[in-house]
PDB file of N, CA and C in Angstrom:
ATOM      1  N   MET A   1     -16.132  10.542  -8.294  1.00  0.00           N
ATOM      2  CA  MET A   1     -15.899   9.536 -10.004  1.00  0.00           C
ATOM      3  C   MET A   1     -14.519  10.124 -10.200  1.00  0.00           C
ATOM      4  N   ASP A   2     -13.540   8.956 -11.711  1.00  0.00           N
ATOM      5  CA  ASP A   2     -13.065   9.620 -12.042  1.00  0.00           C
ATOM      6  C   ASP A   2     -13.573   9.677 -13.377  1.00  0.00           C
ATOM      7  N   GLN A   3     -13.752  10.697 -13.603  1.00  0.00           N
ATOM      8  CA  GLN A   3     -14.227  10.191 -15.289  1.00  0.00           C
ATOM      9  C   GLN A   3     -13.266  11.036 -16.243  1.00  0.00           C
ATOM     10  N   VAL A   4     -13.539  11.186 -17.301  1.00  0.00           N
ATOM     11  CA  VAL A   4     -12.650  11.014 -18.825  1.00  0.00           C
ATOM     12  C   VAL A   4     -13.610  11.382 -19.936  1.00  0.00           C
ATOM     13  N   ASN A   5     -12.977  12.601 -20.559  1.00  0.00           N
ATOM     14  CA  ASN A   5     -13.629  13.260 -21.244  1.00  0.00           C
ATOM     15  C   ASN A   5     -13.733  12.239 -23.349  1.00  0.00           C
ATOM     16  N   ASN A   6     -14.509  11.486 -24.119  1.00  0.00           N
ATOM     17  CA  ASN A   6     -14.032  10.619 -25.258  1.00  0.00           C
ATOM     18  C   ASN A   6     -14.455  11.780 -25.913  1.00  0.00           C
ATOM     19  N   ARG A   7     -13.842  11.344 -26.962  1.00  0.00           N
ATOM     20  CA  ARG A   7     -13.429  12.235 -28.119  1.00  0.00           C
ATOM     21  C   ARG A   7     -15.029  12.719 -28.571  1.00  0.00           C
ATOM     22  N   LYS A   8     -16.203  12.377 -28.027  1.00  0.00           N
ATOM     23  CA  LYS A   8     -17.951  13.176 -28.778  1.00  0.00           C
ATOM     24  C   LYS A   8     -18.237  13.845 -27.623  1.00  0.00           C
ATOM     25  N   GLY A   9     -17.020  13.790 -26.736  1.00  0.00           N
ATOM     26  CA  GLY A   9     -17.163  15.264 -25.752  1.00  0.00           C
ATOM     27  C   GLY A   9     -18.217  14.611 -24.279  1.00  0.00           C
ATOM     28  N   LYS A  10     -18.536  13.669 -24.466  1.00  0.00           N
ATOM     29  CA  LYS A  10     -18.906  12.585 -23.462  1.00  0.00           C
ATOM     30  C   LYS A  10     -17.695  12.251 -22.503  1.00  0.00           C
ATOM     31  N   ILE A  11     -18.670  12.401 -21.140  1.00  0.00           N
ATOM     32  CA  ILE A  11     -17.654  11.745 -19.984  1.00  0.00           C
ATOM     33  C   ILE A  11     -18.541  10.020 -19.794  1.00  0.00           C
ATOM     34  N   ASP A  12     -16.650   9.384 -19.282  1.00  0.00           N
ATOM     35  CA  ASP A  12     -16.884   8.392 -19.767  1.00  0.00           C
ATOM     36  C   ASP A  12     -16.201   8.239 -17.876  1.00  0.00           C
ATOM     37  N   MET A  13     -16.889   7.277 -17.951  1.00  0.00           N
ATOM     38  CA  MET A  13     -15.843   6.475 -16.313  1.00  0.00           C
ATOM     39  C   MET A  13     -14.346   6.008 -15.974  1.00  0.00           C
ATOM     40  N   ALA A  14     -13.733   6.414 -15.448  1.00  0.00           N
ATOM     41  CA  ALA A  14     -12.418   5.730 -15.969  1.00  0.00           C
ATOM     42  C   ALA A  14     -12.251   3.836 -15.599  1.00  0.00           C
ATOM     43  N   LYS A  15     -11.471   3.596 -16.718  1.00  0.00           N
ATOM     44  CA  LYS A  15     -12.116   2.009 -16.345  1.00  0.00           C
ATOM     45  C   LYS A  15     -11.099   1.445 -15.481  1.00  0.00           C
ATOM     46  N   ASN A  16     -11.349   0.168 -14.642  1.00  0.00           N
ATOM     47  CA  ASN A  16     -11.093  -0.660 -13.303  1.00  0.00           C
ATOM     48  C   ASN A  16      -9.315  -1.486 -14.916  1.00  0.00           C
ATOM     49  N   PRO A  17      -8.099  -1.262 -14.607  1.00  0.00           N
ATOM     50  CA  PRO A  17      -7.541  -1.755 -14.440  1.00  0.00           C
ATOM     51  C   PRO A  17      -6.511  -3.572 -14.251  1.00  0.00           C
ATOM     52  N   LEU A  18      -7.410  -3.503 -13.297  1.00  0.00           N
ATOM     53  CA  LEU A  18      -7.606  -4.920 -12.384  1.00  0.00           C
ATOM     54  C   LEU A  18      -9.268  -5.117 -12.626  1.00  0.00           C
ATOM     55  N   GLY A  19      -9.439  -4.398 -13.121  1.00  0.00           N
ATOM     56  CA  GLY A  19     -11.611  -5.344 -12.780  1.00  0.00           C
ATOM     57  C   GLY A  19     -11.982  -6.294 -14.108  1.00  0.00           C
ATOM     58  N   LYS A  20     -10.710  -7.753 -15.047  1.00  0.00           N
ATOM     59  CA  LYS A  20     -11.823  -8.410 -15.341  1.00  0.00           C
ATOM     60  C   LYS A  20     -10.237  -9.725 -14.756  1.00  0.00           C
ATOM     61  N   THR A  21     -11.876 -10.362 -14.743  1.00  0.00           N
ATOM     62  CA  THR A  21     -11.192 -12.135 -13.061  1.00  0.00           C
ATOM     63  C   THR A  21     -10.933 -12.666 -14.748  1.00  0.00           C
ATOM     64  N   ARG A  22      -9.442 -12.951 -13.353  1.00  0.00           N
ATOM     65  CA  ARG A  22      -8.329 -13.484 -14.382  1.00  0.00           C
ATOM     66  C   ARG A  22      -8.380 -15.230 -13.750  1.00  0.00           C
ATOM     67  N   ASP A  23      -8.239 -16.303 -13.963  1.00  0.00           N
ATOM     68  CA  ASP A  23      -7.464 -17.411 -14.084  1.00  0.00           C
ATOM     69  C   ASP A  23      -6.551 -17.328 -12.887  1.00  0.00           C
ATOM     70  N   VAL A  24      -5.896 -18.537 -11.695  1.00  0.00           N
ATOM     71  CA  VAL A  24      -5.229 -18.478 -10.721  1.00  0.00           C
ATOM     72  C   VAL A  24      -3.453 -18.984 -11.268  1.00  0.00           C
ATOM     73  N   ASP A  25      -4.334 -19.382 -12.610  1.00  0.00           N
ATOM     74  CA  ASP A  25      -2.363 -19.168 -12.741  1.00  0.00           C
ATOM     75  C   ASP A  25      -2.062 -17.871 -13.548  1.00  0.00           C
ATOM     76  N   ASN A  26      -2.993 -17.267 -13.826  1.00  0.00           N
ATOM     77  CA  ASN A  26      -2.271 -16.064 -14.667  1.00  0.00           C
ATOM     78  C   ASN A  26      -3.087 -15.111 -13.748  1.00  0.00           C
ATOM     79  N   ALA A  27      -2.607 -14.587 -12.855  1.00  0.00           N
ATOM     80  CA  ALA A  27      -3.982 -14.009 -11.631  1.00  0.00           C
ATOM     81  C   ALA A  27      -2.540 -12.394 -11.655  1.00  0.00           C
ATOM     82  N   TYR A  28      -3.277 -11.157 -11.362  1.00  0.00           N
ATOM     83  CA  TYR A  28      -2.845  -9.908 -10.702  1.00  0.00           C
ATOM     84  C   TYR A  28      -1.311  -9.830 -10.211  1.00  0.00           C
ATOM     85  N   ALA A  29      -1.699 -10.904  -9.108  1.00  0.00           N
ATOM     86  CA  ALA A  29      -0.251 -10.798  -7.759  1.00  0.00           C
ATOM     87  C   ALA A  29      -0.709 -11.861  -7.289  1.00  0.00           C
ATOM     88  N   ARG A  30       0.284 -11.972  -6.331  1.00  0.00           N
ATOM     89  CA  ARG A  30       0.538 -13.318  -5.393  1.00  0.00           C
ATOM     90  C   ARG A  30       0.610 -12.893  -3.918  1.00  0.00           C
ATOM     91  N   PHE A  31       0.527 -12.629  -3.223  1.00  0.00           N
ATOM     92  CA  PHE A  31       0.710 -12.414  -2.007  1.00  0.00           C
ATOM     93  C   PHE A  31       0.943 -14.123  -0.390  1.00  0.00           C
ATOM     94  N   GLU A  32       1.909 -14.255  -0.022  1.00  0.00           N
ATOM     95  CA  GLU A  32       2.213 -15.699   0.978  1.00  0.00           C
ATOM     96  C   GLU A  32       3.138 -15.456   2.258  1.00  0.00           C
ATOM     97  N   ALA A  33       1.880 -16.060   2.996  1.00  0.00           N
ATOM     98  CA  ALA A  33       2.532 -15.916   4.760  1.00  0.00           C
ATOM     99  C   ALA A  33       2.657 -17.235   5.670  1.00  0.00           C
ATOM    100  N   ASN A  34       3.099 -18.135   5.880  1.00  0.00           N
ATOM    101  CA  ASN A  34       2.862 -19.070   6.631  1.00  0.00           C
ATOM    102  C   ASN A  34       2.024 -19.977   6.510  1.00  0.00           C
ATOM    103  N   GLY A  35       1.999 -20.146   4.937  1.00  0.00           N
ATOM    104  CA  GLY A  35       1.394 -21.578   4.152  1.00  0.00           C
ATOM    105  C   GLY A  35       0.266 -21.401   3.617  1.00  0.00           C
ATOM    106  N   PHE A  36      -0.178 -20.023   3.596  1.00  0.00           N
ATOM    107  CA  PHE A  36      -1.089 -19.636   2.795  1.00  0.00           C
ATOM    108  C   PHE A  36      -0.990 -18.693   1.882  1.00  0.00           C
ATOM    109  N   GLU A  37      -1.424 -18.855   1.112  1.00  0.00           N
ATOM    110  CA  GLU A  37      -1.212 -18.444  -0.948  1.00  0.00           C
ATOM    111  C   GLU A  37      -3.288 -16.979  -0.902  1.00  0.00           C
ATOM    112  N   TYR A  38      -2.549 -16.066  -1.377  1.00  0.00           N
ATOM    113  CA  TYR A  38      -3.601 -15.907  -2.114  1.00  0.00           C
ATOM    114  C   TYR A  38      -3.491 -14.980  -2.911  1.00  0.00           C
ATOM    115  N   ARG A  39      -3.598 -15.638  -4.230  1.00  0.00           N
ATOM    116  CA  ARG A  39      -3.728 -15.278  -5.657  1.00  0.00           C
ATOM    117  C   ARG A  39      -4.652 -13.647  -6.307  1.00  0.00           C
ATOM    118  N   ILE A  40      -4.326 -13.130  -6.585  1.00  0.00           N
ATOM    119  CA  ILE A  40      -4.936 -11.814  -6.725  1.00  0.00           C
ATOM    120  C   ILE A  40      -5.977 -11.343  -8.341  1.00  0.00           C
ATOM    121  N   ALA A  41      -7.511 -12.252  -7.973  1.00  0.00           N
ATOM    122  CA  ALA A  41      -7.826 -12.314  -9.302  1.00  0.00           C
ATOM    123  C   ALA A  41      -8.484 -10.903 -10.232  1.00  0.00           C
ATOM    124  N   LYS A  42      -8.965 -10.616  -9.358  1.00  0.00           N
ATOM    125  CA  LYS A  42      -9.401  -8.931  -9.967  1.00  0.00           C
ATOM    126  C   LYS A  42      -9.788  -8.174  -8.972  1.00  0.00           C
ATOM    127  N   THR A  43      -9.605  -6.524  -9.016  1.00  0.00           N
ATOM    128  CA  THR A  43     -10.054  -5.964  -7.926  1.00  0.00           C
ATOM    129  C   THR A  43     -11.647  -5.390  -8.489  1.00  0.00           C
ATOM    130  N   TYR A  44     -11.793  -4.289  -7.489  1.00  0.00           N
ATOM    131  CA  TYR A  44     -13.158  -3.438  -7.692  1.00  0.00           C
ATOM    132  C   TYR A  44     -13.353  -2.318  -7.871  1.00  0.00           C
ATOM    133  N   LYS A  45     -12.096  -1.882  -7.467  1.00  0.00           N
ATOM    134  CA  LYS A  45     -12.115   0.203  -7.448  1.00  0.00           C
ATOM    135  C   LYS A  45     -10.627   0.155  -7.873  1.00  0.00           C
ATOM    136  N   LEU A  46     -10.787   1.017  -8.397  1.00  0.00           N
ATOM    137  CA  LEU A  46      -9.241   2.161  -8.949  1.00  0.00           C
ATOM    138  C   LEU A  46      -8.021   1.701  -7.923  1.00  0.00           C
ATOM    139  N   PRO A  47      -6.578   1.068  -7.659  1.00  0.00           N
ATOM    140  CA  PRO A  47      -6.041   1.435  -7.117  1.00  0.00           C
ATOM    141  C   PRO A  47      -5.854   2.464  -6.421  1.00  0.00           C
ATOM    142  N   LYS A  48      -6.129   3.473  -6.782  1.00  0.00           N
ATOM    143  CA  LYS A  48      -6.124   5.117  -6.179  1.00  0.00           C
ATOM    144  C   LYS A  48      -7.203   4.954  -5.154  1.00  0.00           C
ATOM    145  N   ASN A  49      -8.316   4.595  -5.200  1.00  0.00           N
ATOM    146  CA  ASN A  49      -9.867   4.523  -4.476  1.00  0.00           C
ATOM    147  C   ASN A  49      -9.867   3.660  -3.602  1.00  0.00           C
ATOM    148  N   GLU A  50      -8.750   2.749  -3.203  1.00  0.00           N
ATOM    149  CA  GLU A  50      -8.979   1.864  -2.431  1.00  0.00           C
ATOM    150  C   GLU A  50      -8.304   2.360  -1.435  1.00  0.00           C
ATOM    151  N   VAL A  51      -7.267   2.702  -1.160  1.00  0.00           N
ATOM    152  CA  VAL A  51      -6.466   3.451  -0.346  1.00  0.00           C
ATOM    153  C   VAL A  51      -8.009   4.093   1.102  1.00  0.00           C
ATOM    154  N   ALA A  52      -8.925   4.865   0.230  1.00  0.00           N
ATOM    155  CA  ALA A  52      -9.368   6.029   1.878  1.00  0.00           C
ATOM    156  C   ALA A  52     -10.291   4.744   1.827  1.00  0.00           C
ATOM    157  N   ASP A  53     -10.552   3.688   1.620  1.00  0.00           N
ATOM    158  CA  ASP A  53     -11.827   2.489   1.826  1.00  0.00           C
ATOM    159  C   ASP A  53     -11.706   0.983   2.907  1.00  0.00           C
ATOM    160  N   GLN A  54     -11.682   1.946   3.609  1.00  0.00           N
ATOM    161  CA  GLN A  54     -11.576  -0.005   4.629  1.00  0.00           C
ATOM    162  C   GLN A  54     -11.946  -0.746   3.626  1.00  0.00           C
ATOM    163  N   ASN A  55     -13.456  -0.561   3.688  1.00  0.00           N
ATOM    164  CA  ASN A  55     -13.589  -1.624   2.612  1.00  0.00           C
ATOM    165  C   ASN A  55     -13.376  -2.584   1.411  1.00  0.00           C
ATOM    166  N   ALA A  56     -12.213  -1.923   0.901  1.00  0.00           N
ATOM    167  CA  ALA A  56     -12.437  -2.293  -0.436  1.00  0.00           C
ATOM    168  C   ALA A  56     -11.566  -3.445  -0.640  1.00  0.00           C
ATOM    169  N   ARG A  57     -12.277  -4.642  -1.253  1.00  0.00           N
ATOM    170  CA  ARG A  57     -12.439  -5.839  -1.808  1.00  0.00           C
ATOM    171  C   ARG A  57     -11.528  -5.775  -2.708  1.00  0.00           C
ATOM    172  N   TRP A  58     -11.158  -7.016  -2.694  1.00  0.00           N
ATOM    173  CA  TRP A  58     -10.017  -8.054  -3.981  1.00  0.00           C
ATOM    174  C   TRP A  58     -11.239  -9.961  -4.215  1.00  0.00           C
ATOM    175  N   ASN A  59     -10.868  -9.870  -5.282  1.00  0.00           N
ATOM    176  CA  ASN A  59     -11.321 -10.984  -5.796  1.00  0.00           C
ATOM    177  C   ASN A  59      -9.715 -12.253  -5.810  1.00  0.00           C
ATOM    178  N   VAL A  60     -10.029 -13.050  -4.499  1.00  0.00           N
ATOM    179  CA  VAL A  60      -8.599 -13.973  -4.428  1.00  0.00           C
ATOM    180  C   VAL A  60      -8.989 -14.985  -4.788  1.00  0.00           C
ATOM    181  N   TYR A  61      -8.277 -16.046  -4.361  1.00  0.00           N
ATOM    182  CA  TYR A  61      -8.094 -17.536  -5.260  1.00  0.00           C
ATOM    183  C   TYR A  61      -6.926 -17.898  -3.751  1.00  0.00           C
ATOM    184  N   ALA A  62      -7.297 -18.736  -2.619  1.00  0.00           N
ATOM    185  CA  ALA A  62      -6.903 -18.789  -1.672  1.00  0.00           C
ATOM    186  C   ALA A  62      -6.628 -20.177  -1.938  1.00  0.00           C
ATOM    187  N   ARG A  63      -4.897 -20.421  -1.311  1.00  0.00           N
ATOM    188  CA  ARG A  63      -4.935 -21.918  -0.538  1.00  0.00           C
ATOM    189  C   ARG A  63      -3.706 -22.001   0.216  1.00  0.00           C
ATOM    190  N   SER A  64      -4.512 -23.397   1.426  1.00  0.00           N
ATOM    191  CA  SER A  64      -3.571 -23.391   2.908  1.00  0.00           C
ATOM    192  C   SER A  64      -3.484 -24.446   2.957  1.00  0.00           C
ATOM    193  N   PRO A  65      -2.906 -24.849   4.029  1.00  0.00           N
ATOM    194  CA  PRO A  65      -2.986 -26.050   5.049  1.00  0.00           C
ATOM    195  C   PRO A  65      -4.267 -26.590   4.900  1.00  0.00           C
ATOM    196  N   PHE A  66      -5.714 -25.732   5.235  1.00  0.00           N
ATOM    197  CA  PHE A  66      -6.721 -26.076   5.966  1.00  0.00           C
ATOM    198  C   PHE A  66      -7.097 -26.932   4.520  1.00  0.00           C
ATOM    199  N   THR A  67      -6.381 -26.179   2.538  1.00  0.00           N
ATOM    200  CA  THR A  67      -7.225 -26.380   1.762  1.00  0.00           C
ATOM    201  C   THR A  67      -6.830 -27.728   1.202  1.00  0.00           C
ATOM    202  N   TYR A  68      -6.074 -27.827   2.065  1.00  0.00           N
ATOM    203  CA  TYR A  68      -5.088 -28.939   1.096  1.00  0.00           C
ATOM    204  C   TYR A  68      -3.928 -28.945  -0.004  1.00  0.00           C
ATOM    205  N   ASP A  69      -3.257 -28.221   0.259  1.00  0.00           N
ATOM    206  CA  ASP A  69      -2.626 -27.005  -0.670  1.00  0.00           C
ATOM    207  C   ASP A  69      -4.051 -26.893  -2.537  1.00  0.00           C
ATOM    208  N   LYS A  70      -4.786 -27.819  -1.731  1.00  0.00           N
ATOM    209  CA  LYS A  70      -6.391 -27.100  -2.842  1.00  0.00           C
ATOM    210  C   LYS A  70      -6.370 -25.705  -3.060  1.00  0.00           C
ATOM    211  N   TRP A  71      -6.681 -25.188  -4.410  1.00  0.00           N
ATOM    212  CA  TRP A  71      -7.151 -23.821  -4.444  1.00  0.00           C
ATOM    213  C   TRP A  71      -8.979 -23.339  -4.514  1.00  0.00           C
ATOM    214  N   GLU A  72      -9.065 -22.624  -4.371  1.00  0.00           N
ATOM    215  CA  GLU A  72     -10.663 -22.268  -3.479  1.00  0.00           C
ATOM    216  C   GLU A  72      -9.798 -20.519  -3.834  1.00  0.00           C
ATOM    217  N   GLY A  73     -11.920 -20.983  -5.005  1.00  0.00           N
ATOM    218  CA  GLY A  73     -11.807 -19.490  -5.080  1.00  0.00           C
ATOM    219  C   GLY A  73     -12.111 -19.499  -6.695  1.00  0.00           C
ATOM    220  N   PRO A  74     -12.966 -18.031  -6.357  1.00  0.00           N
ATOM    221  CA  PRO A  74     -12.285 -17.423  -6.542  1.00  0.00           C
ATOM    222  C   PRO A  74     -13.196 -16.425  -5.449  1.00  0.00           C
ATOM    223  N   THR A  75     -13.241 -15.813  -4.458  1.00  0.00           N
ATOM    224  CA  THR A  75     -13.744 -15.491  -3.630  1.00  0.00           C
ATOM    225  C   THR A  75     -13.733 -13.547  -2.670  1.00  0.00           C
ATOM    226  N   ASP A  76     -14.241 -12.873  -2.010  1.00  0.00           N
ATOM    227  CA  ASP A  76     -13.417 -11.934  -1.566  1.00  0.00           C
ATOM    228  C   ASP A  76     -13.318 -11.806  -0.687  1.00  0.00           C
ATOM    229  N   THR A  77     -12.275 -10.480  -1.040  1.00  0.00           N
ATOM    230  CA  THR A  77     -11.392 -10.160   1.835  1.00  0.00           C
ATOM    231  C   THR A  77     -11.704  -8.996   1.436  1.00  0.00           C
ATOM    232  N   TYR A  78     -11.046  -8.836   2.172  1.00  0.00           N
ATOM    233  CA  TYR A  78     -10.596  -6.717   2.042  1.00  0.00           C
ATOM    234  C   TYR A  78      -9.143  -7.108   2.100  1.00  0.00           C
ATOM    235  N   ARG A  79      -8.680  -6.103   1.310  1.00  0.00           N
ATOM    236  CA  ARG A  79      -7.645  -5.738   0.997  1.00  0.00           C
ATOM    237  C   ARG A  79      -6.596  -5.503   2.040  1.00  0.00           C
ATOM    238  N   LYS A  80      -7.900  -5.063   3.269  1.00  0.00           N
ATOM    239  CA  LYS A  80      -6.958  -5.014   4.200  1.00  0.00           C
ATOM    240  C   LYS A  80      -5.946  -5.929   4.656  1.00  0.00           C
ATOM    241  N   ASP A  81      -7.216  -6.994   5.336  1.00  0.00           N
ATOM    242  CA  ASP A  81      -6.431  -8.413   5.810  1.00  0.00           C
ATOM    243  C   ASP A  81      -5.388  -8.874   3.929  1.00  0.00           C
ATOM    244  N   VAL A  82      -5.595  -8.217   3.721  1.00  0.00           N
ATOM    245  CA  VAL A  82      -3.975  -9.508   2.856  1.00  0.00           C
ATOM    246  C   VAL A  82      -2.896  -8.397   3.187  1.00  0.00           C
ATOM    247  N   LEU A  83      -3.137  -6.892   2.749  1.00  0.00           N
ATOM    248  CA  LEU A  83      -2.227  -6.533   3.597  1.00  0.00           C
ATOM    249  C   LEU A  83      -1.663  -5.901   5.159  1.00  0.00           C
ATOM    250  N   GLU A  84      -2.807  -7.172   5.709  1.00  0.00           N
ATOM    251  CA  GLU A  84      -2.338  -6.559   7.111  1.00  0.00           C
ATOM    252  C   GLU A  84      -1.296  -8.155   7.815  1.00  0.00           C
ATOM    253  N   ASN A  85      -1.360  -9.001   6.180  1.00  0.00           N
ATOM    254  CA  ASN A  85      -1.267 -10.507   7.169  1.00  0.00           C
ATOM    255  C   ASN A  85      -0.183 -10.719   5.758  1.00  0.00           C
ATOM    256  N   MET A  86      -0.220 -10.492   5.383  1.00  0.00           N
ATOM    257  CA  MET A  86       1.139 -11.105   3.697  1.00  0.00           C
ATOM    258  C   MET A  86       1.590 -10.650   3.543  1.00  0.00           C
ATOM    259  N   GLN A  87       2.426 -10.566   2.960  1.00  0.00           N
ATOM    260  CA  GLN A  87       3.822 -10.915   1.832  1.00  0.00           C
ATOM    261  C   GLN A  87       3.743 -10.378   0.103  1.00  0.00           C
ATOM    262  N   LEU A  88       3.755  -9.614  -0.406  1.00  0.00           N
ATOM    263  CA  LEU A  88       3.691  -9.314  -1.711  1.00  0.00           C
ATOM    264  C   LEU A  88       4.655 -10.838  -2.363  1.00  0.00           C
ATOM    265  N   THR A  89       4.504 -11.296  -2.947  1.00  0.00           N
ATOM    266  CA  THR A  89       6.322 -12.493  -4.124  1.00  0.00           C
ATOM    267  C   THR A  89       6.340 -12.285  -5.221  1.00  0.00           C
ATOM    268  N   TYR A  90       4.525 -12.046  -5.758  1.00  0.00           N
ATOM    269  CA  TYR A  90       4.381 -11.029  -7.305  1.00  0.00           C
ATOM    270  C   TYR A  90       3.800 -10.686  -7.277  1.00  0.00           C
ATOM    271  N   ALA A  91       3.963 -10.505  -8.444  1.00  0.00           N
ATOM    272  CA  ALA A  91       2.947  -9.109  -9.436  1.00  0.00           C
ATOM    273  C   ALA A  91       3.019  -8.301 -10.663  1.00  0.00           C
ATOM    274  N   SER A  92       2.017  -8.885 -11.365  1.00  0.00           N
ATOM    275  CA  SER A  92       1.989  -8.895 -12.721  1.00  0.00           C
ATOM    276  C   SER A  92       1.994  -7.239 -13.012  1.00  0.00           C
ATOM    277  N   PRO A  93       3.192  -6.633 -14.811  1.00  0.00           N
ATOM    278  CA  PRO A  93       3.179  -6.177 -14.950  1.00  0.00           C
ATOM    279  C   PRO A  93       1.496  -5.151 -15.156  1.00  0.00           C
ATOM    280  N   GLU A  94       0.625  -5.611 -14.788  1.00  0.00           N
ATOM    281  CA  GLU A  94      -0.510  -4.691 -14.864  1.00  0.00           C
ATOM    282  C   GLU A  94      -0.707  -3.916 -13.680  1.00  0.00           C
ATOM    283  N   PHE A  95      -0.554  -5.329 -12.394  1.00  0.00           N
ATOM    284  CA  PHE A  95      -0.717  -4.866 -10.706  1.00  0.00           C
ATOM    285  C   PHE A  95       0.636  -3.953 -10.843  1.00  0.00           C
ATOM    286  N   ILE A  96       1.607  -4.165 -10.933  1.00  0.00           N
ATOM    287  CA  ILE A  96       2.724  -2.751 -10.930  1.00  0.00           C
ATOM    288  C   ILE A  96       2.094  -1.393 -11.265  1.00  0.00           C
ATOM    289  N   GLU A  97       1.877  -1.534 -11.605  1.00  0.00           N
ATOM    290  CA  GLU A  97       1.659  -0.131 -13.286  1.00  0.00           C
ATOM    291  C   GLU A  97       0.523   0.865 -11.776  1.00  0.00           C
ATOM    292  N   ALA A  98      -0.408  -0.381 -11.957  1.00  0.00           N
ATOM    293  CA  ALA A  98      -1.788   0.863 -11.258  1.00  0.00           C
ATOM    294  C   ALA A  98      -1.087   0.720  -9.514  1.00  0.00           C
ATOM    295  N   TYR A  99      -0.543   0.089  -9.174  1.00  0.00           N
ATOM    296  CA  TYR A  99      -0.428   0.458  -7.569  1.00  0.00           C
ATOM    297  C   TYR A  99       1.094   0.413  -6.977  1.00  0.00           C
ATOM    298  N   ARG A 100       2.472   1.057  -8.327  1.00  0.00           N
ATOM    299  CA  ARG A 100       3.210   1.440  -8.222  1.00  0.00           C
ATOM    300  C   ARG A 100       3.298   3.174  -7.154  1.00  0.00           C
ATOM    301  N   ASP A 101       2.626   3.696  -7.127  1.00  0.00           N
ATOM    302  CA  ASP A 101       1.981   4.919  -5.897  1.00  0.00           C
ATOM    303  C   ASP A 101       1.541   5.132  -4.524  1.00  0.00           C
ATOM    304  N   ASP A 102       1.307   3.303  -3.860  1.00  0.00           N
ATOM    305  CA  ASP A 102       0.178   2.698  -3.012  1.00  0.00           C
ATOM    306  C   ASP A 102       1.430   2.988  -2.109  1.00  0.00           C
ATOM    307  N   PRO A 103       0.675   3.384  -0.451  1.00  0.00           N
ATOM    308  CA  PRO A 103       2.205   3.490   0.034  1.00  0.00           C
ATOM    309  C   PRO A 103       2.356   2.471   0.950  1.00  0.00           C
ATOM    310  N   HIS A 104       0.306   1.460   0.784  1.00  0.00           N
ATOM    311  CA  HIS A 104       0.813   0.405   1.836  1.00  0.00           C
ATOM    312  C   HIS A 104       1.481  -1.051   1.221  1.00  0.00           C
ATOM    313  N   ILE A 105       1.498  -0.874  -0.609  1.00  0.00           N
ATOM    314  CA  ILE A 105       2.212  -1.983  -0.615  1.00  0.00           C
ATOM    315  C   ILE A 105       3.829  -1.949  -1.189  1.00  0.00           C
ATOM    316  N   LYS A 106       4.858  -2.331  -0.551  1.00  0.00           N
ATOM    317  CA  LYS A 106       6.132  -2.411  -1.659  1.00  0.00           C
ATOM    318  C   LYS A 106       6.193  -3.351  -2.004  1.00  0.00           C
ATOM    319  N   ILE A 107       5.851  -2.563  -4.007  1.00  0.00           N
ATOM    320  CA  ILE A 107       6.385  -3.578  -4.467  1.00  0.00           C
ATOM    321  C   ILE A 107       7.892  -3.164  -4.813  1.00  0.00           C
ATOM    322  N   ALA A 108       8.790  -4.482  -5.314  1.00  0.00           N
ATOM    323  CA  ALA A 108      10.378  -5.095  -5.919  1.00  0.00           C
ATOM    324  C   ALA A 108      10.731  -4.059  -6.847  1.00  0.00           C
ATOM    325  N   ALA A 109      11.618  -2.419  -6.906  1.00  0.00           N
ATOM    326  CA  ALA A 109      11.925  -2.343  -7.862  1.00  0.00           C
ATOM    327  C   ALA A 109      12.914  -3.164  -9.082  1.00  0.00           C
TER     328      ALA A 109
END
C-alpha cells in the first residue's frame, strides 16, 4: 500500500487522483472502437497499482449501436478489456498525469 507521512507524523494513504466520479460530459478519458465508446468516470486504484492487477476495474459510461447511441452507466468494467479492445481518443490533464508512465496506455505527446 502506498503511504505518505503527513505533517503530524502520522501515515496517510496515497490518494487516487481519479477516484472521484465524474459525469459523462466531464469524463477523465474516452476510449473508442467500432462504434463503441467508453468514458472513464473513475478508477478504483492508483494507476501504478493497476498494472499488476488483472482484475483492476474502471467505472465507465458506455454507448454503442446496441444502446441506440444512448449512454448507460456508470458501471464497472475491467481495465484490461478496455485497453485490449479500444483506442484512447481523449485524455484529461489528470488522466495524462496519472497514466503518463503506464506501458499499456499510449498517450500522444
